[in-house]
Amino acid sequence: MKLNYITFMVRDIEKTIDFYQNLAGLKIVRRFNPGMGEIAFMTNAEGETKLEFIQFEKVPKVQVSGMTMSYKVEGILEEVRNKAIAMGYHPSEIIIEPPKPEHFKVLDADGIEVEFSL
């Protein structure tokens, strides 16, 4: 069995797409409006688990505590952190806590903790 996708009911799909496209490097594989609002599926590669972001009015929005999504950075960690700052986010300092790789954390547009590591 393979995990197909994870759904998040978001407040602002444009901000969400901007965050995951520009910081995590995800690509939109499908985006549409079924009449109630916007839906976007994003992934990092064909056949990989997708994230489904839905912006519908009058539905409960994602509220997360105790969960972190983690992305492996292919490049320079500090550059991704600086990009987060330039986009208006407030990432942590780069954390060095072996045996975990160097990383920083930042909240996405809906307050989901996202970690970027080497």
PDB file of N, CA and C in Angstrom:
ATOM      1  N   MET A   1       0.846  -1.177   0.000  1.00  0.00           N
ATOM      2  CA  MET A   1       0.000   0.000   0.000  1.00  0.00           C
ATOM      3  C   MET A   1       0.891   1.238   0.000  1.00  0.00           C
ATOM      4  N   LYS A   2       0.464   2.254  -0.715  1.00  0.00           N
ATOM      5  CA  LYS A   2       1.243   3.481  -0.812  1.00  0.00           C
ATOM      6  C   LYS A   2       0.354   4.663  -0.472  1.00  0.00           C
ATOM      7  N   LEU A   3       0.885   5.586   0.321  1.00  0.00           N
ATOM      8  CA  LEU A   3       0.143   6.801   0.653  1.00  0.00           C
ATOM      9  C   LEU A   3      -0.008   7.631  -0.610  1.00  0.00           C
ATOM     10  N   ASN A   4      -1.235   7.958  -0.977  1.00  0.00           N
ATOM     11  CA  ASN A   4      -1.521   8.686  -2.212  1.00  0.00           C
ATOM     12  C   ASN A   4      -1.411  10.193  -2.004  1.00  0.00           C
ATOM     13  N   TYR A   5      -2.202  10.752  -1.057  1.00  0.00           N
ATOM     14  CA  TYR A   5      -2.133  12.186  -0.795  1.00  0.00           C
ATOM     15  C   TYR A   5      -2.623  12.503   0.603  1.00  0.00           C
ATOM     16  N   ILE A   6      -2.267  13.694   1.070  1.00  0.00           N
ATOM     17  CA  ILE A   6      -2.708  14.230   2.353  1.00  0.00           C
ATOM     18  C   ILE A   6      -3.438  15.525   2.040  1.00  0.00           C
ATOM     19  N   THR A   7      -4.617  15.711   2.629  1.00  0.00           N
ATOM     20  CA  THR A   7      -5.448  16.877   2.349  1.00  0.00           C
ATOM     21  C   THR A   7      -5.362  17.897   3.476  1.00  0.00           C
ATOM     22  N   PHE A   8      -5.241  19.159   3.091  1.00  0.00           N
ATOM     23  CA  PHE A   8      -5.229  20.272   4.036  1.00  0.00           C
ATOM     24  C   PHE A   8      -6.279  21.291   3.587  1.00  0.00           C
ATOM     25  N   MET A   9      -7.177  21.645   4.479  1.00  0.00           N
ATOM     26  CA  MET A   9      -8.170  22.689   4.207  1.00  0.00           C
ATOM     27  C   MET A   9      -7.513  24.012   4.600  1.00  0.00           C
ATOM     28  N   VAL A  10      -7.168  24.830   3.622  1.00  0.00           N
ATOM     29  CA  VAL A  10      -6.358  26.026   3.870  1.00  0.00           C
ATOM     30  C   VAL A  10      -7.184  27.309   3.795  1.00  0.00           C
ATOM     31  N   ARG A  11      -6.626  28.362   4.353  1.00  0.00           N
ATOM     32  CA  ARG A  11      -7.287  29.661   4.379  1.00  0.00           C
ATOM     33  C   ARG A  11      -7.060  30.467   3.099  1.00  0.00           C
ATOM     34  N   ASP A  12      -5.861  30.336   2.521  1.00  0.00           N
ATOM     35  CA  ASP A  12      -5.495  31.122   1.341  1.00  0.00           C
ATOM     36  C   ASP A  12      -4.648  30.244   0.427  1.00  0.00           C
ATOM     37  N   ILE A  13      -5.273  29.690  -0.592  1.00  0.00           N
ATOM     38  CA  ILE A  13      -4.580  28.736  -1.456  1.00  0.00           C
ATOM     39  C   ILE A  13      -3.413  29.368  -2.207  1.00  0.00           C
ATOM     40  N   GLU A  14      -3.516  30.655  -2.544  1.00  0.00           N
ATOM     41  CA  GLU A  14      -2.419  31.315  -3.258  1.00  0.00           C
ATOM     42  C   GLU A  14      -1.171  31.395  -2.381  1.00  0.00           C
ATOM     43  N   LYS A  15      -1.337  31.788  -1.113  1.00  0.00           N
ATOM     44  CA  LYS A  15      -0.195  31.840  -0.192  1.00  0.00           C
ATOM     45  C   LYS A  15       0.374  30.450   0.040  1.00  0.00           C
ATOM     46  N   THR A  16      -0.507  29.460   0.149  1.00  0.00           N
ATOM     47  CA  THR A  16      -0.066  28.085   0.357  1.00  0.00           C
ATOM     48  C   THR A  16       0.750  27.594  -0.828  1.00  0.00           C
ATOM     49  N   ILE A  17       0.238  27.794  -2.024  1.00  0.00           N
ATOM     50  CA  ILE A  17       0.964  27.371  -3.228  1.00  0.00           C
ATOM     51  C   ILE A  17       2.305  28.090  -3.316  1.00  0.00           C
ATOM     52  N   ASP A  18       2.320  29.374  -3.049  1.00  0.00           N
ATOM     53  CA  ASP A  18       3.564  30.150  -3.090  1.00  0.00           C
ATOM     54  C   ASP A  18       4.603  29.559  -2.130  1.00  0.00           C
ATOM     55  N   PHE A  19       4.182  29.241  -0.909  1.00  0.00           N
ATOM     56  CA  PHE A  19       5.101  28.683   0.086  1.00  0.00           C
ATOM     57  C   PHE A  19       5.693  27.356  -0.391  1.00  0.00           C
ATOM     58  N   TYR A  20       4.837  26.417  -0.776  1.00  0.00           N
ATOM     59  CA  TYR A  20       5.323  25.080  -1.125  1.00  0.00           C
ATOM     60  C   TYR A  20       6.028  25.039  -2.474  1.00  0.00           C
ATOM     61  N   GLN A  21       5.659  25.921  -3.376  1.00  0.00           N
ATOM     62  CA  GLN A  21       6.334  25.987  -4.668  1.00  0.00           C
ATOM     63  C   GLN A  21       7.720  26.614  -4.522  1.00  0.00           C
ATOM     64  N   ASN A  22       7.785  27.729  -3.832  1.00  0.00           N
ATOM     65  CA  ASN A  22       9.030  28.494  -3.787  1.00  0.00           C
ATOM     66  C   ASN A  22      10.000  28.076  -2.692  1.00  0.00           C
ATOM     67  N   LEU A  23       9.524  27.473  -1.614  1.00  0.00           N
ATOM     68  CA  LEU A  23      10.443  27.018  -0.565  1.00  0.00           C
ATOM     69  C   LEU A  23      10.697  25.519  -0.634  1.00  0.00           C
ATOM     70  N   ALA A  24       9.646  24.721  -0.805  1.00  0.00           N
ATOM     71  CA  ALA A  24       9.810  23.268  -0.798  1.00  0.00           C
ATOM     72  C   ALA A  24      10.054  22.700  -2.198  1.00  0.00           C
ATOM     73  N   GLY A  25       9.874  23.518  -3.224  1.00  0.00           N
ATOM     74  CA  GLY A  25      10.138  23.066  -4.587  1.00  0.00           C
ATOM     75  C   GLY A  25       9.077  22.135  -5.154  1.00  0.00           C
ATOM     76  N   LEU A  26       7.873  22.135  -4.561  1.00  0.00           N
ATOM     77  CA  LEU A  26       6.804  21.297  -5.097  1.00  0.00           C
ATOM     78  C   LEU A  26       6.226  21.933  -6.360  1.00  0.00           C
ATOM     79  N   LYS A  27       5.634  21.090  -7.179  1.00  0.00           N
ATOM     80  CA  LYS A  27       5.018  21.556  -8.419  1.00  0.00           C
ATOM     81  C   LYS A  27       3.528  21.211  -8.387  1.00  0.00           C
ATOM     82  N   ILE A  28       2.729  22.065  -8.997  1.00  0.00           N
ATOM     83  CA  ILE A  28       1.307  21.785  -9.128  1.00  0.00           C
ATOM     84  C   ILE A  28       1.132  20.719 -10.208  1.00  0.00           C
ATOM     85  N   VAL A  29       0.461  19.631  -9.849  1.00  0.00           N
ATOM     86  CA  VAL A  29       0.187  18.590 -10.839  1.00  0.00           C
ATOM     87  C   VAL A  29      -1.272  18.621 -11.291  1.00  0.00           C
ATOM     88  N   ARG A  30      -2.113  19.264 -10.504  1.00  0.00           N
ATOM     89  CA  ARG A  30      -3.512  19.444 -10.900  1.00  0.00           C
ATOM     90  C   ARG A  30      -4.096  20.578 -10.070  1.00  0.00           C
ATOM     91  N   ARG A  31      -4.832  21.438 -10.731  1.00  0.00           N
ATOM     92  CA  ARG A  31      -5.508  22.540 -10.046  1.00  0.00           C
ATOM     93  C   ARG A  31      -6.833  22.785 -10.728  1.00  0.00           C
ATOM     94  N   PHE A  32      -7.892  22.910  -9.929  1.00  0.00           N
ATOM     95  CA  PHE A  32      -9.206  23.114 -10.525  1.00  0.00           C
ATOM     96  C   PHE A  32     -10.159  23.723  -9.506  1.00  0.00           C
ATOM     97  N   ASN A  33     -11.302  24.167 -10.027  1.00  0.00           N
ATOM     98  CA  ASN A  33     -12.349  24.740  -9.201  1.00  0.00           C
ATOM     99  C   ASN A  33     -13.619  23.945  -9.457  1.00  0.00           C
ATOM    100  N   PRO A  34     -14.045  23.120  -8.478  1.00  0.00           N
ATOM    101  CA  PRO A  34     -15.250  22.315  -8.668  1.00  0.00           C
ATOM    102  C   PRO A  34     -16.537  23.099  -8.419  1.00  0.00           C
ATOM    103  N   GLY A  35     -16.432  24.421  -8.270  1.00  0.00           N
ATOM    104  CA  GLY A  35     -17.593  25.259  -8.056  1.00  0.00           C
ATOM    105  C   GLY A  35     -17.737  25.761  -6.638  1.00  0.00           C
ATOM    106  N   MET A  36     -17.060  25.121  -5.695  1.00  0.00           N
ATOM    107  CA  MET A  36     -17.146  25.513  -4.289  1.00  0.00           C
ATOM    108  C   MET A  36     -15.903  26.252  -3.827  1.00  0.00           C
ATOM    109  N   GLY A  37     -14.874  26.256  -4.639  1.00  0.00           N
ATOM    110  CA  GLY A  37     -13.597  26.850  -4.286  1.00  0.00           C
ATOM    111  C   GLY A  37     -12.481  26.174  -5.051  1.00  0.00           C
ATOM    112  N   GLU A  38     -11.255  26.426  -4.634  1.00  0.00           N
ATOM    113  CA  GLU A  38     -10.079  25.921  -5.350  1.00  0.00           C
ATOM    114  C   GLU A  38      -9.530  24.645  -4.725  1.00  0.00           C
ATOM    115  N   ILE A  39      -8.982  23.777  -5.567  1.00  0.00           N
ATOM    116  CA  ILE A  39      -8.255  22.583  -5.141  1.00  0.00           C
ATOM    117  C   ILE A  39      -6.961  22.535  -5.941  1.00  0.00           C
ATOM    118  N   ALA A  40      -5.849  22.271  -5.247  1.00  0.00           N
ATOM    119  CA  ALA A  40      -4.555  22.110  -5.926  1.00  0.00           C
ATOM    120  C   ALA A  40      -3.840  20.902  -5.351  1.00  0.00           C
ATOM    121  N   PHE A  41      -3.344  20.055  -6.231  1.00  0.00           N
ATOM    122  CA  PHE A  41      -2.494  18.941  -5.845  1.00  0.00           C
ATOM    123  C   PHE A  41      -1.063  19.316  -6.176  1.00  0.00           C
ATOM    124  N   MET A  42      -0.161  19.112  -5.221  1.00  0.00           N
ATOM    125  CA  MET A  42       1.254  19.430  -5.433  1.00  0.00           C
ATOM    126  C   MET A  42       2.108  18.231  -5.027  1.00  0.00           C
ATOM    127  N   THR A  43       3.224  18.052  -5.701  1.00  0.00           N
ATOM    128  CA  THR A  43       4.158  16.971  -5.383  1.00  0.00           C
ATOM    129  C   THR A  43       5.547  17.358  -5.840  1.00  0.00           C
ATOM    130  N   ASN A  44       6.532  16.589  -5.383  1.00  0.00           N
ATOM    131  CA  ASN A  44       7.902  16.884  -5.808  1.00  0.00           C
ATOM    132  C   ASN A  44       8.329  16.024  -6.995  1.00  0.00           C
ATOM    133  N   ALA A  45       7.610  14.933  -7.274  1.00  0.00           N
ATOM    134  CA  ALA A  45       7.973  14.088  -8.409  1.00  0.00           C
ATOM    135  C   ALA A  45       6.802  13.180  -8.773  1.00  0.00           C
ATOM    136  N   GLU A  46       6.756  12.775 -10.007  1.00  0.00           N
ATOM    137  CA  GLU A  46       5.732  11.855 -10.496  1.00  0.00           C
ATOM    138  C   GLU A  46       5.725  10.591  -9.644  1.00  0.00           C
ATOM    139  N   GLY A  47       4.539  10.185  -9.213  1.00  0.00           N
ATOM    140  CA  GLY A  47       4.410   8.956  -8.438  1.00  0.00           C
ATOM    141  C   GLY A  47       4.662   9.103  -6.947  1.00  0.00           C
ATOM    142  N   GLU A  48       5.064  10.288  -6.523  1.00  0.00           N
ATOM    143  CA  GLU A  48       5.312  10.512  -5.094  1.00  0.00           C
ATOM    144  C   GLU A  48       4.018  10.933  -4.409  1.00  0.00           C
ATOM    145  N   THR A  49       4.016  10.883  -3.075  1.00  0.00           N
ATOM    146  CA  THR A  49       2.865  11.324  -2.305  1.00  0.00           C
ATOM    147  C   THR A  49       2.569  12.786  -2.619  1.00  0.00           C
ATOM    148  N   LYS A  50       1.295  13.090  -2.799  1.00  0.00           N
ATOM    149  CA  LYS A  50       0.884  14.456  -3.120  1.00  0.00           C
ATOM    150  C   LYS A  50       0.307  15.143  -1.877  1.00  0.00           C
ATOM    151  N   LEU A  51       0.370  16.457  -1.884  1.00  0.00           N
ATOM    152  CA  LEU A  51      -0.339  17.266  -0.908  1.00  0.00           C
ATOM    153  C   LEU A  51      -1.513  17.887  -1.645  1.00  0.00           C
ATOM    154  N   GLU A  52      -2.709  17.757  -1.073  1.00  0.00           N
ATOM    155  CA  GLU A  52      -3.897  18.353  -1.659  1.00  0.00           C
ATOM    156  C   GLU A  52      -4.285  19.541  -0.794  1.00  0.00           C
ATOM    157  N   PHE A  53      -4.342  20.700  -1.399  1.00  0.00           N
ATOM    158  CA  PHE A  53      -4.730  21.918  -0.695  1.00  0.00           C
ATOM    159  C   PHE A  53      -6.095  22.345  -1.215  1.00  0.00           C
ATOM    160  N   ILE A  54      -7.028  22.550  -0.286  1.00  0.00           N
ATOM    161  CA  ILE A  54      -8.393  22.920  -0.649  1.00  0.00           C
ATOM    162  C   ILE A  54      -8.751  24.215   0.063  1.00  0.00           C
ATOM    163  N   GLN A  55      -9.285  25.154  -0.695  1.00  0.00           N
ATOM    164  CA  GLN A  55      -9.819  26.380  -0.111  1.00  0.00           C
ATOM    165  C   GLN A  55     -11.293  26.463  -0.458  1.00  0.00           C
ATOM    166  N   PHE A  56     -12.131  26.058   0.493  1.00  0.00           N
ATOM    167  CA  PHE A  56     -13.583  26.169   0.386  1.00  0.00           C
ATOM    168  C   PHE A  56     -14.050  27.063   1.516  1.00  0.00           C
ATOM    169  N   GLU A  57     -15.074  27.826   1.269  1.00  0.00           N
ATOM    170  CA  GLU A  57     -15.676  28.638   2.325  1.00  0.00           C
ATOM    171  C   GLU A  57     -16.478  27.733   3.256  1.00  0.00           C
ATOM    172  N   LYS A  58     -16.639  28.157   4.488  1.00  0.00           N
ATOM    173  CA  LYS A  58     -17.519  27.505   5.461  1.00  0.00           C
ATOM    174  C   LYS A  58     -17.160  26.058   5.755  1.00  0.00           C
ATOM    175  N   VAL A  59     -15.879  25.715   5.698  1.00  0.00           N
ATOM    176  CA  VAL A  59     -15.414  24.397   6.147  1.00  0.00           C
ATOM    177  C   VAL A  59     -14.315  24.629   7.174  1.00  0.00           C
ATOM    178  N   PRO A  60     -14.171  23.744   8.148  1.00  0.00           N
ATOM    179  CA  PRO A  60     -13.099  23.912   9.130  1.00  0.00           C
ATOM    180  C   PRO A  60     -11.737  23.922   8.435  1.00  0.00           C
ATOM    181  N   LYS A  61     -10.868  24.814   8.897  1.00  0.00           N
ATOM    182  CA  LYS A  61      -9.532  24.928   8.324  1.00  0.00           C
ATOM    183  C   LYS A  61      -8.540  24.122   9.155  1.00  0.00           C
ATOM    184  N   VAL A  62      -7.440  23.767   8.520  1.00  0.00           N
ATOM    185  CA  VAL A  62      -6.409  22.975   9.185  1.00  0.00           C
ATOM    186  C   VAL A  62      -5.931  23.683  10.457  1.00  0.00           C
ATOM    187  N   GLN A  63      -5.801  22.898  11.528  1.00  0.00           N
ATOM    188  CA  GLN A  63      -5.239  23.363  12.790  1.00  0.00           C
ATOM    189  C   GLN A  63      -4.283  22.267  13.244  1.00  0.00           C
ATOM    190  N   VAL A  64      -3.032  22.595  13.342  1.00  0.00           N
ATOM    191  CA  VAL A  64      -2.040  21.563  13.594  1.00  0.00           C
ATOM    192  C   VAL A  64      -1.177  21.911  14.792  1.00  0.00           C
ATOM    193  N   SER A  65      -0.983  20.923  15.636  1.00  0.00           N
ATOM    194  CA  SER A  65      -0.064  21.042  16.757  1.00  0.00           C
ATOM    195  C   SER A  65       0.579  19.672  16.924  1.00  0.00           C
ATOM    196  N   GLY A  66       1.874  19.656  17.091  1.00  0.00           N
ATOM    197  CA  GLY A  66       2.556  18.388  17.293  1.00  0.00           C
ATOM    198  C   GLY A  66       2.866  17.631  16.013  1.00  0.00           C
ATOM    199  N   MET A  67       2.831  18.309  14.881  1.00  0.00           N
ATOM    200  CA  MET A  67       3.153  17.675  13.606  1.00  0.00           C
ATOM    201  C   MET A  67       4.141  18.561  12.852  1.00  0.00           C
ATOM    202  N   THR A  68       5.113  17.950  12.218  1.00  0.00           N
ATOM    203  CA  THR A  68       6.081  18.680  11.405  1.00  0.00           C
ATOM    204  C   THR A  68       6.233  17.975  10.068  1.00  0.00           C
ATOM    205  N   MET A  69       6.186  18.731   8.969  1.00  0.00           N
ATOM    206  CA  MET A  69       6.537  18.198   7.659  1.00  0.00           C
ATOM    207  C   MET A  69       7.998  18.538   7.432  1.00  0.00           C
ATOM    208  N   SER A  70       8.745  17.603   6.887  1.00  0.00           N
ATOM    209  CA  SER A  70      10.172  17.831   6.702  1.00  0.00           C
ATOM    210  C   SER A  70      10.558  17.671   5.236  1.00  0.00           C
ATOM    211  N   TYR A  71      11.374  18.611   4.753  1.00  0.00           N
ATOM    212  CA  TYR A  71      11.871  18.585   3.386  1.00  0.00           C
ATOM    213  C   TYR A  71      13.388  18.607   3.403  1.00  0.00           C
ATOM    214  N   LYS A  72      13.981  17.767   2.571  1.00  0.00           N
ATOM    215  CA  LYS A  72      15.433  17.735   2.446  1.00  0.00           C
ATOM    216  C   LYS A  72      15.852  18.766   1.396  1.00  0.00           C
ATOM    217  N   VAL A  73      16.749  19.644   1.795  1.00  0.00           N
ATOM    218  CA  VAL A  73      17.238  20.709   0.918  1.00  0.00           C
ATOM    219  C   VAL A  73      18.365  20.168   0.042  1.00  0.00           C
ATOM    220  N   GLU A  74      18.240  20.403  -1.233  1.00  0.00           N
ATOM    221  CA  GLU A  74      19.315  20.070  -2.166  1.00  0.00           C
ATOM    222  C   GLU A  74      19.969  21.389  -2.537  1.00  0.00           C
ATOM    223  N   GLY A  75      20.962  21.762  -1.795  1.00  0.00           N
ATOM    224  CA  GLY A  75      21.611  23.045  -1.988  1.00  0.00           C
ATOM    225  C   GLY A  75      22.082  23.587  -0.658  1.00  0.00           C
ATOM    226  N   ILE A  76      22.017  24.893  -0.530  1.00  0.00           N
ATOM    227  CA  ILE A  76      22.536  25.562   0.664  1.00  0.00           C
ATOM    228  C   ILE A  76      21.369  25.922   1.576  1.00  0.00           C
ATOM    229  N   LEU A  77      21.395  25.366   2.779  1.00  0.00           N
ATOM    230  CA  LEU A  77      20.319  25.552   3.740  1.00  0.00           C
ATOM    231  C   LEU A  77      20.079  27.021   4.060  1.00  0.00           C
ATOM    232  N   GLU A  78      21.136  27.785   4.245  1.00  0.00           N
ATOM    233  CA  GLU A  78      21.019  29.207   4.585  1.00  0.00           C
ATOM    234  C   GLU A  78      20.304  29.985   3.481  1.00  0.00           C
ATOM    235  N   GLU A  79      20.493  29.593   2.227  1.00  0.00           N
ATOM    236  CA  GLU A  79      19.817  30.271   1.122  1.00  0.00           C
ATOM    237  C   GLU A  79      18.306  30.053   1.190  1.00  0.00           C
ATOM    238  N   VAL A  80      17.887  28.852   1.540  1.00  0.00           N
ATOM    239  CA  VAL A  80      16.455  28.573   1.666  1.00  0.00           C
ATOM    240  C   VAL A  80      15.888  29.356   2.847  1.00  0.00           C
ATOM    241  N   ARG A  81      16.628  29.405   3.939  1.00  0.00           N
ATOM    242  CA  ARG A  81      16.196  30.172   5.112  1.00  0.00           C
ATOM    243  C   ARG A  81      16.057  31.660   4.758  1.00  0.00           C
ATOM    244  N   ASN A  82      17.032  32.199   4.044  1.00  0.00           N
ATOM    245  CA  ASN A  82      16.975  33.610   3.629  1.00  0.00           C
ATOM    246  C   ASN A  82      15.794  33.867   2.693  1.00  0.00           C
ATOM    247  N   LYS A  83      15.489  32.908   1.846  1.00  0.00           N
ATOM    248  CA  LYS A  83      14.347  33.044   0.950  1.00  0.00           C
ATOM    249  C   LYS A  83      13.049  33.098   1.756  1.00  0.00           C
ATOM    250  N   ALA A  84      12.952  32.267   2.800  1.00  0.00           N
ATOM    251  CA  ALA A  84      11.774  32.290   3.673  1.00  0.00           C
ATOM    252  C   ALA A  84      11.606  33.670   4.306  1.00  0.00           C
ATOM    253  N   ILE A  85      12.703  34.248   4.755  1.00  0.00           N
ATOM    254  CA  ILE A  85      12.671  35.590   5.350  1.00  0.00           C
ATOM    255  C   ILE A  85      12.205  36.613   4.314  1.00  0.00           C
ATOM    256  N   ALA A  86      12.761  36.524   3.104  1.00  0.00           N
ATOM    257  CA  ALA A  86      12.398  37.465   2.039  1.00  0.00           C
ATOM    258  C   ALA A  86      10.917  37.346   1.660  1.00  0.00           C
ATOM    259  N   MET A  87      10.348  36.162   1.859  1.00  0.00           N
ATOM    260  CA  MET A  87       8.931  35.941   1.553  1.00  0.00           C
ATOM    261  C   MET A  87       8.025  36.398   2.699  1.00  0.00           C
ATOM    262  N   GLY A  88       8.634  36.869   3.796  1.00  0.00           N
ATOM    263  CA  GLY A  88       7.846  37.384   4.915  1.00  0.00           C
ATOM    264  C   GLY A  88       7.602  36.396   6.038  1.00  0.00           C
ATOM    265  N   TYR A  89       8.257  35.256   5.995  1.00  0.00           N
ATOM    266  CA  TYR A  89       8.116  34.255   7.054  1.00  0.00           C
ATOM    267  C   TYR A  89       9.180  34.486   8.128  1.00  0.00           C
ATOM    268  N   HIS A  90       9.029  33.794   9.238  1.00  0.00           N
ATOM    269  CA  HIS A  90       9.933  33.968  10.380  1.00  0.00           C
ATOM    270  C   HIS A  90      10.543  32.627  10.781  1.00  0.00           C
ATOM    271  N   PRO A  91      11.526  32.159  10.012  1.00  0.00           N
ATOM    272  CA  PRO A  91      12.134  30.865  10.329  1.00  0.00           C
ATOM    273  C   PRO A  91      13.010  30.932  11.579  1.00  0.00           C
ATOM    274  N   SER A  92      13.189  29.766  12.171  1.00  0.00           N
ATOM    275  CA  SER A  92      14.118  29.663  13.296  1.00  0.00           C
ATOM    276  C   SER A  92      15.538  29.856  12.779  1.00  0.00           C
ATOM    277  N   GLU A  93      16.463  30.002  13.699  1.00  0.00           N
ATOM    278  CA  GLU A  93      17.872  29.948  13.321  1.00  0.00           C
ATOM    279  C   GLU A  93      18.163  28.531  12.835  1.00  0.00           C
ATOM    280  N   ILE A  94      19.274  28.329  12.180  1.00  0.00           N
ATOM    281  CA  ILE A  94      19.664  26.969  11.790  1.00  0.00           C
ATOM    282  C   ILE A  94      20.045  26.220  13.062  1.00  0.00           C
ATOM    283  N   ILE A  95      19.451  25.050  13.220  1.00  0.00           N
ATOM    284  CA  ILE A  95      19.611  24.240  14.422  1.00  0.00           C
ATOM    285  C   ILE A  95      20.590  23.108  14.143  1.00  0.00           C
ATOM    286  N   ILE A  96      21.565  22.955  15.045  1.00  0.00           N
ATOM    287  CA  ILE A  96      22.529  21.863  14.935  1.00  0.00           C
ATOM    288  C   ILE A  96      22.394  21.023  16.204  1.00  0.00           C
ATOM    289  N   GLU A  97      21.733  19.874  16.076  1.00  0.00           N
ATOM    290  CA  GLU A  97      21.497  18.965  17.194  1.00  0.00           C
ATOM    291  C   GLU A  97      21.731  17.534  16.728  1.00  0.00           C
ATOM    292  N   PRO A  98      23.004  17.103  16.666  1.00  0.00           N
ATOM    293  CA  PRO A  98      23.262  15.730  16.224  1.00  0.00           C
ATOM    294  C   PRO A  98      22.507  14.731  17.107  1.00  0.00           C
ATOM    295  N   PRO A  99      22.059  13.635  16.571  1.00  0.00           N
ATOM    296  CA  PRO A  99      22.395  13.083  15.251  1.00  0.00           C
ATOM    297  C   PRO A  99      21.513  13.616  14.119  1.00  0.00           C
ATOM    298  N   LYS A 100      20.579  14.484  14.431  1.00  0.00           N
ATOM    299  CA  LYS A 100      19.714  15.065  13.399  1.00  0.00           C
ATOM    300  C   LYS A 100      20.546  15.993  12.519  1.00  0.00           C
ATOM    301  N   PRO A 101      20.254  16.036  11.211  1.00  0.00           N
ATOM    302  CA  PRO A 101      21.003  16.952  10.337  1.00  0.00           C
ATOM    303  C   PRO A 101      20.669  18.410  10.643  1.00  0.00           C
ATOM    304  N   GLU A 102      21.523  19.309  10.196  1.00  0.00           N
ATOM    305  CA  GLU A 102      21.263  20.744  10.353  1.00  0.00           C
ATOM    306  C   GLU A 102      19.903  21.051   9.729  1.00  0.00           C
ATOM    307  N   HIS A 103      19.139  21.927  10.400  1.00  0.00           N
ATOM    308  CA  HIS A 103      17.813  22.237   9.900  1.00  0.00           C
ATOM    309  C   HIS A 103      17.317  23.557  10.482  1.00  0.00           C
ATOM    310  N   PHE A 104      16.237  24.061   9.885  1.00  0.00           N
ATOM    311  CA  PHE A 104      15.506  25.175  10.478  1.00  0.00           C
ATOM    312  C   PHE A 104      14.025  24.885  10.322  1.00  0.00           C
ATOM    313  N   LYS A 105      13.230  25.556  11.142  1.00  0.00           N
ATOM    314  CA  LYS A 105      11.784  25.368  11.111  1.00  0.00           C
ATOM    315  C   LYS A 105      11.108  26.692  10.801  1.00  0.00           C
ATOM    316  N   VAL A 106       9.964  26.593  10.136  1.00  0.00           N
ATOM    317  CA  VAL A 106       9.177  27.771   9.792  1.00  0.00           C
ATOM    318  C   VAL A 106       7.713  27.350   9.704  1.00  0.00           C
ATOM    319  N   LEU A 107       6.815  28.246  10.050  1.00  0.00           N
ATOM    320  CA  LEU A 107       5.389  27.970   9.921  1.00  0.00           C
ATOM    321  C   LEU A 107       4.908  28.412   8.551  1.00  0.00           C
ATOM    322  N   ASP A 108       4.122  27.564   7.885  1.00  0.00           N
ATOM    323  CA  ASP A 108       3.575  27.952   6.583  1.00  0.00           C
ATOM    324  C   ASP A 108       2.403  28.922   6.789  1.00  0.00           C
ATOM    325  N   ALA A 109       1.701  29.247   5.744  1.00  0.00           N
ATOM    326  CA  ALA A 109       0.625  30.248   5.804  1.00  0.00           C
ATOM    327  C   ALA A 109      -0.519  29.847   6.730  1.00  0.00           C
ATOM    328  N   ASP A 110      -0.639  28.555   7.042  1.00  0.00           N
ATOM    329  CA  ASP A 110      -1.692  28.080   7.934  1.00  0.00           C
ATOM    330  C   ASP A 110      -1.171  27.644   9.297  1.00  0.00           C
ATOM    331  N   GLY A 111       0.089  27.931   9.570  1.00  0.00           N
ATOM    332  CA  GLY A 111       0.649  27.596  10.874  1.00  0.00           C
ATOM    333  C   GLY A 111       1.163  26.173  11.000  1.00  0.00           C
ATOM    334  N   ILE A 112       1.306  25.470   9.889  1.00  0.00           N
ATOM    335  CA  ILE A 112       1.877  24.130   9.910  1.00  0.00           C
ATOM    336  C   ILE A 112       3.391  24.254  10.006  1.00  0.00           C
ATOM    337  N   GLU A 113       3.986  23.532  10.955  1.00  0.00           N
ATOM    338  CA  GLU A 113       5.441  23.582  11.102  1.00  0.00           C
ATOM    339  C   GLU A 113       6.098  22.784   9.993  1.00  0.00           C
ATOM    340  N   VAL A 114       6.989  23.447   9.271  1.00  0.00           N
ATOM    341  CA  VAL A 114       7.722  22.822   8.173  1.00  0.00           C
ATOM    342  C   VAL A 114       9.201  22.956   8.476  1.00  0.00           C
ATOM    343  N   GLU A 115       9.896  21.844   8.338  1.00  0.00           N
ATOM    344  CA  GLU A 115      11.335  21.788   8.619  1.00  0.00           C
ATOM    345  C   GLU A 115      12.085  21.594   7.310  1.00  0.00           C
ATOM    346  N   PHE A 116      13.163  22.317   7.164  1.00  0.00           N
ATOM    347  CA  PHE A 116      14.055  22.163   6.022  1.00  0.00           C
ATOM    348  C   PHE A 116      15.402  21.728   6.547  1.00  0.00           C
ATOM    349  N   SER A 117      15.935  20.626   6.006  1.00  0.00           N
ATOM    350  CA  SER A 117      17.201  20.090   6.531  1.00  0.00           C
ATOM    351  C   SER A 117      18.132  19.684   5.399  1.00  0.00           C
ATOM    352  N   LEU A 118      19.377  19.476   5.776  1.00  0.00           N
ATOM    353  CA  LEU A 118      20.375  19.007   4.806  1.00  0.00           C
ATOM    354  C   LEU A 118      20.251  17.512   4.622  1.00  0.00           C
TER     355      LEU A 118
END
